[in-house]
Amino acid sequence: MEFKSFNNSDWAVCQPRFGSEFAMAFDLRANEDLLLQPGERRAVATGVTFSTSNMNVGIRVLPRSGLALNHGVTVLNAPGIIDPDYQGKEIKVILVNQGAVPFSVVRGERIAQAEVYQKSSVHVLGVTRTGETRVGGFGSTGVK
C-alpha cells in the first residue's frame, strides 16, 4: 500500500506516520483548520490518498483516545472502513464533537489513527431458523 499527497497537499503536514516505534496504527492529520461546535460533525480533509494493487486490503480509521477523553472529539463511524476501490480519492475523517465546548481542529493536528487490514474469506449461509431464541436483547444479562 502506498500513500500520496492528494491534490498537491503539503506532504510534510499531512503525511501519515507512526507516532512511535511500537505504534500499531498510523496517524491521520487534518489538512484544514476548522472549528467543530458541540454536537457538530464534519468530514475533515487529510490531504492523503492511497493506492494498492492488492484488492484484499483496506484501511480502518479509528479514534484517538486523547481527543476522546480530553475533548469529547471522536470518529463518528468508528471504525471507518476505506475499501481498496476508493483509491485516488482523498481520505476524510468524520469527526464529531461530543464535548461541551467548541473544538478547534488545526491543520497538521493528529485527528485519527488508521490501520491496514486484510479481508478475510467468509462464506455466508442463508438460514431459516437459528435455534433457540433468547428473550431480552442488548444488555439483557446485566453487568454483574
Foldseek 3Di string as FASTA:
>chain_A
DDKDFAPPQDCVQQPWDCPDPPGQWTFGAAQDKDKAFAFRKDWGFRRMFDADPDQQKWKWKFFDPCCCVVFVKTQPPGRDIGGNVNGNDTHTTIIHGNGHGIDIGDRSHGGITMHMDGHDDDDDDDDDDDPDDDPDPPCRVPDD
